[in-house]
Amino acid sequence: TWIGARPVEEPYTSTGLILTTLYFSYFITDPILMKTWEKLIK
């Protein structure tokens, strides 16, 4: 990705941290949301 090729400066490090957190939080919240969705459908 383009953020990994940028020099290590403040706006790029915080942007990389935020985007990494958002990316990996999907894998944590997806199973929880799917179980909740299945309960709502039934």
PDB file of N, CA and C in Angstrom:
ATOM      1  N   THR A   1       0.832  -1.189   0.000  1.00  0.00           N
ATOM      2  CA  THR A   1       0.000   0.000   0.000  1.00  0.00           C
ATOM      3  C   THR A   1       0.868   1.241   0.000  1.00  0.00           C
ATOM      4  N   TRP A   2       0.279   2.341  -0.316  1.00  0.00           N
ATOM      5  CA  TRP A   2       1.078   3.560  -0.451  1.00  0.00           C
ATOM      6  C   TRP A   2       1.549   4.101   0.881  1.00  0.00           C
ATOM      7  N   ILE A   3       0.844   3.824   1.993  1.00  0.00           N
ATOM      8  CA  ILE A   3       1.260   4.377   3.283  1.00  0.00           C
ATOM      9  C   ILE A   3       2.533   3.710   3.779  1.00  0.00           C
ATOM     10  N   GLY A   4       2.783   2.475   3.378  1.00  0.00           N
ATOM     11  CA  GLY A   4       4.011   1.800   3.784  1.00  0.00           C
ATOM     12  C   GLY A   4       5.230   2.292   3.042  1.00  0.00           C
ATOM     13  N   ALA A   5       5.046   2.944   1.914  1.00  0.00           N
ATOM     14  CA  ALA A   5       6.167   3.447   1.127  1.00  0.00           C
ATOM     15  C   ALA A   5       6.497   4.899   1.452  1.00  0.00           C
ATOM     16  N   ARG A   6       5.726   5.533   2.301  1.00  0.00           N
ATOM     17  CA  ARG A   6       5.951   6.936   2.645  1.00  0.00           C
ATOM     18  C   ARG A   6       7.031   7.041   3.718  1.00  0.00           C
ATOM     19  N   PRO A   7       7.720   8.194   3.800  1.00  0.00           N
ATOM     20  CA  PRO A   7       8.716   8.379   4.858  1.00  0.00           C
ATOM     21  C   PRO A   7       8.056   8.376   6.242  1.00  0.00           C
ATOM     22  N   VAL A   8       8.859   8.035   7.254  1.00  0.00           N
ATOM     23  CA  VAL A   8       8.322   7.956   8.611  1.00  0.00           C
ATOM     24  C   VAL A   8       8.191   9.372   9.166  1.00  0.00           C
ATOM     25  N   GLU A   9       7.008   9.904   9.048  1.00  0.00           N
ATOM     26  CA  GLU A   9       6.686  11.228   9.574  1.00  0.00           C
ATOM     27  C   GLU A   9       5.332  11.132  10.256  1.00  0.00           C
ATOM     28  N   GLU A  10       4.996  12.146  11.006  1.00  0.00           N
ATOM     29  CA  GLU A  10       3.816  12.087  11.874  1.00  0.00           C
ATOM     30  C   GLU A  10       2.488  11.826  11.175  1.00  0.00           C
ATOM     31  N   PRO A  11       2.105  12.517  10.148  1.00  0.00           N
ATOM     32  CA  PRO A  11       0.766  12.196   9.624  1.00  0.00           C
ATOM     33  C   PRO A  11       0.685  10.786   9.041  1.00  0.00           C
ATOM     34  N   TYR A  12       1.796  10.269   8.540  1.00  0.00           N
ATOM     35  CA  TYR A  12       1.776   8.936   7.930  1.00  0.00           C
ATOM     36  C   TYR A  12       1.749   7.833   8.981  1.00  0.00           C
ATOM     37  N   THR A  13       2.443   8.037  10.103  1.00  0.00           N
ATOM     38  CA  THR A  13       2.425   6.995  11.133  1.00  0.00           C
ATOM     39  C   THR A  13       1.054   6.889  11.788  1.00  0.00           C
ATOM     40  N   SER A  14       0.424   8.013  12.070  1.00  0.00           N
ATOM     41  CA  SER A  14      -0.906   7.949  12.690  1.00  0.00           C
ATOM     42  C   SER A  14      -1.945   7.420  11.705  1.00  0.00           C
ATOM     43  N   THR A  15      -1.818   7.785  10.429  1.00  0.00           N
ATOM     44  CA  THR A  15      -2.736   7.256   9.418  1.00  0.00           C
ATOM     45  C   THR A  15      -2.578   5.748   9.286  1.00  0.00           C
ATOM     46  N   GLY A  16      -1.349   5.272   9.272  1.00  0.00           N
ATOM     47  CA  GLY A  16      -1.104   3.837   9.192  1.00  0.00           C
ATOM     48  C   GLY A  16      -1.646   3.094  10.395  1.00  0.00           C
ATOM     49  N   LEU A  17      -1.507   3.688  11.572  1.00  0.00           N
ATOM     50  CA  LEU A  17      -2.015   3.060  12.786  1.00  0.00           C
ATOM     51  C   LEU A  17      -3.536   2.979  12.775  1.00  0.00           C
ATOM     52  N   ILE A  18      -4.189   4.040  12.374  1.00  0.00           N
ATOM     53  CA  ILE A  18      -5.653   4.059  12.337  1.00  0.00           C
ATOM     54  C   ILE A  18      -6.184   3.071  11.306  1.00  0.00           C
ATOM     55  N   LEU A  19      -5.594   3.061  10.112  1.00  0.00           N
ATOM     56  CA  LEU A  19      -6.075   2.158   9.067  1.00  0.00           C
ATOM     57  C   LEU A  19      -5.809   0.696   9.408  1.00  0.00           C
ATOM     58  N   THR A  20      -4.673   0.413  10.064  1.00  0.00           N
ATOM     59  CA  THR A  20      -4.386  -0.953  10.486  1.00  0.00           C
ATOM     60  C   THR A  20      -5.380  -1.414  11.540  1.00  0.00           C
ATOM     61  N   THR A  21      -5.706  -0.538  12.471  1.00  0.00           N
ATOM     62  CA  THR A  21      -6.682  -0.873  13.504  1.00  0.00           C
ATOM     63  C   THR A  21      -8.054  -1.139  12.900  1.00  0.00           C
ATOM     64  N   LEU A  22      -8.468  -0.313  11.956  1.00  0.00           N
ATOM     65  CA  LEU A  22      -9.760  -0.527  11.304  1.00  0.00           C
ATOM     66  C   LEU A  22      -9.784  -1.832  10.522  1.00  0.00           C
ATOM     67  N   TYR A  23      -8.682  -2.158   9.854  1.00  0.00           N
ATOM     68  CA  TYR A  23      -8.622  -3.377   9.048  1.00  0.00           C
ATOM     69  C   TYR A  23      -8.752  -4.619   9.925  1.00  0.00           C
ATOM     70  N   PHE A  24      -7.983  -4.681  11.013  1.00  0.00           N
ATOM     71  CA  PHE A  24      -8.005  -5.876  11.840  1.00  0.00           C
ATOM     72  C   PHE A  24      -9.218  -5.935  12.757  1.00  0.00           C
ATOM     73  N   SER A  25      -9.853  -4.808  13.034  1.00  0.00           N
ATOM     74  CA  SER A  25     -11.066  -4.856  13.848  1.00  0.00           C
ATOM     75  C   SER A  25     -12.216  -5.510  13.083  1.00  0.00           C
ATOM     76  N   TYR A  26     -12.157  -5.493  11.770  1.00  0.00           N
ATOM     77  CA  TYR A  26     -13.185  -6.177  10.977  1.00  0.00           C
ATOM     78  C   TYR A  26     -13.193  -7.670  11.286  1.00  0.00           C
ATOM     79  N   PHE A  27     -12.012  -8.280  11.381  1.00  0.00           N
ATOM     80  CA  PHE A  27     -11.928  -9.718  11.610  1.00  0.00           C
ATOM     81  C   PHE A  27     -12.359 -10.090  13.022  1.00  0.00           C
ATOM     82  N   ILE A  28     -12.297  -9.146  13.946  1.00  0.00           N
ATOM     83  CA  ILE A  28     -12.748  -9.405  15.306  1.00  0.00           C
ATOM     84  C   ILE A  28     -14.262  -9.238  15.407  1.00  0.00           C
ATOM     85  N   THR A  29     -14.787  -8.213  14.773  1.00  0.00           N
ATOM     86  CA  THR A  29     -16.216  -7.924  14.915  1.00  0.00           C
ATOM     87  C   THR A  29     -17.099  -8.697  13.942  1.00  0.00           C
ATOM     88  N   ASP A  30     -16.551  -9.207  12.870  1.00  0.00           N
ATOM     89  CA  ASP A  30     -17.377  -9.906  11.879  1.00  0.00           C
ATOM     90  C   ASP A  30     -18.082 -11.139  12.445  1.00  0.00           C
ATOM     91  N   PRO A  31     -17.393 -12.038  13.168  1.00  0.00           N
ATOM     92  CA  PRO A  31     -18.136 -13.186  13.718  1.00  0.00           C
ATOM     93  C   PRO A  31     -19.220 -12.775  14.715  1.00  0.00           C
ATOM     94  N   ILE A  32     -18.947 -11.731  15.488  1.00  0.00           N
ATOM     95  CA  ILE A  32     -19.946 -11.260  16.447  1.00  0.00           C
ATOM     96  C   ILE A  32     -21.164 -10.712  15.716  1.00  0.00           C
ATOM     97  N   LEU A  33     -20.927  -9.945  14.668  1.00  0.00           N
ATOM     98  CA  LEU A  33     -22.033  -9.385  13.903  1.00  0.00           C
ATOM     99  C   LEU A  33     -22.823 -10.465  13.175  1.00  0.00           C
ATOM    100  N   MET A  34     -22.146 -11.485  12.683  1.00  0.00           N
ATOM    101  CA  MET A  34     -22.849 -12.567  11.989  1.00  0.00           C
ATOM    102  C   MET A  34     -23.745 -13.350  12.949  1.00  0.00           C
ATOM    103  N   LYS A  35     -23.266 -13.618  14.165  1.00  0.00           N
ATOM    104  CA  LYS A  35     -24.098 -14.324  15.141  1.00  0.00           C
ATOM    105  C   LYS A  35     -25.293 -13.476  15.545  1.00  0.00           C
ATOM    106  N   THR A  36     -25.070 -12.184  15.705  1.00  0.00           N
ATOM    107  CA  THR A  36     -26.173 -11.287  16.040  1.00  0.00           C
ATOM    108  C   THR A  36     -27.174 -11.220  14.901  1.00  0.00           C
ATOM    109  N   TRP A  37     -26.695 -11.177  13.677  1.00  0.00           N
ATOM    110  CA  TRP A  37     -27.569 -11.127  12.512  1.00  0.00           C
ATOM    111  C   TRP A  37     -28.410 -12.392  12.402  1.00  0.00           C
ATOM    112  N   GLU A  38     -27.794 -13.545  12.660  1.00  0.00           N
ATOM    113  CA  GLU A  38     -28.534 -14.807  12.608  1.00  0.00           C
ATOM    114  C   GLU A  38     -29.631 -14.847  13.670  1.00  0.00           C
ATOM    115  N   LYS A  39     -29.356 -14.300  14.851  1.00  0.00           N
ATOM    116  CA  LYS A  39     -30.376 -14.267  15.898  1.00  0.00           C
ATOM    117  C   LYS A  39     -31.516 -13.331  15.517  1.00  0.00           C
ATOM    118  N   LEU A  40     -31.207 -12.237  14.843  1.00  0.00           N
ATOM    119  CA  LEU A  40     -32.249 -11.298  14.442  1.00  0.00           C
ATOM    120  C   LEU A  40     -33.135 -11.865  13.341  1.00  0.00           C
ATOM    121  N   ILE A  41     -32.569 -12.674  12.467  1.00  0.00           N
ATOM    122  CA  ILE A  41     -33.342 -13.253  11.374  1.00  0.00           C
ATOM    123  C   ILE A  41     -34.334 -14.288  11.904  1.00  0.00           C
ATOM    124  N   LYS A  42     -33.924 -15.077  12.888  1.00  0.00           N
ATOM    125  CA  LYS A  42     -34.799 -16.134  13.426  1.00  0.00           C
ATOM    126  C   LYS A  42     -35.868 -15.578  14.260  1.00  0.00           C
TER     127      LYS A  42
END
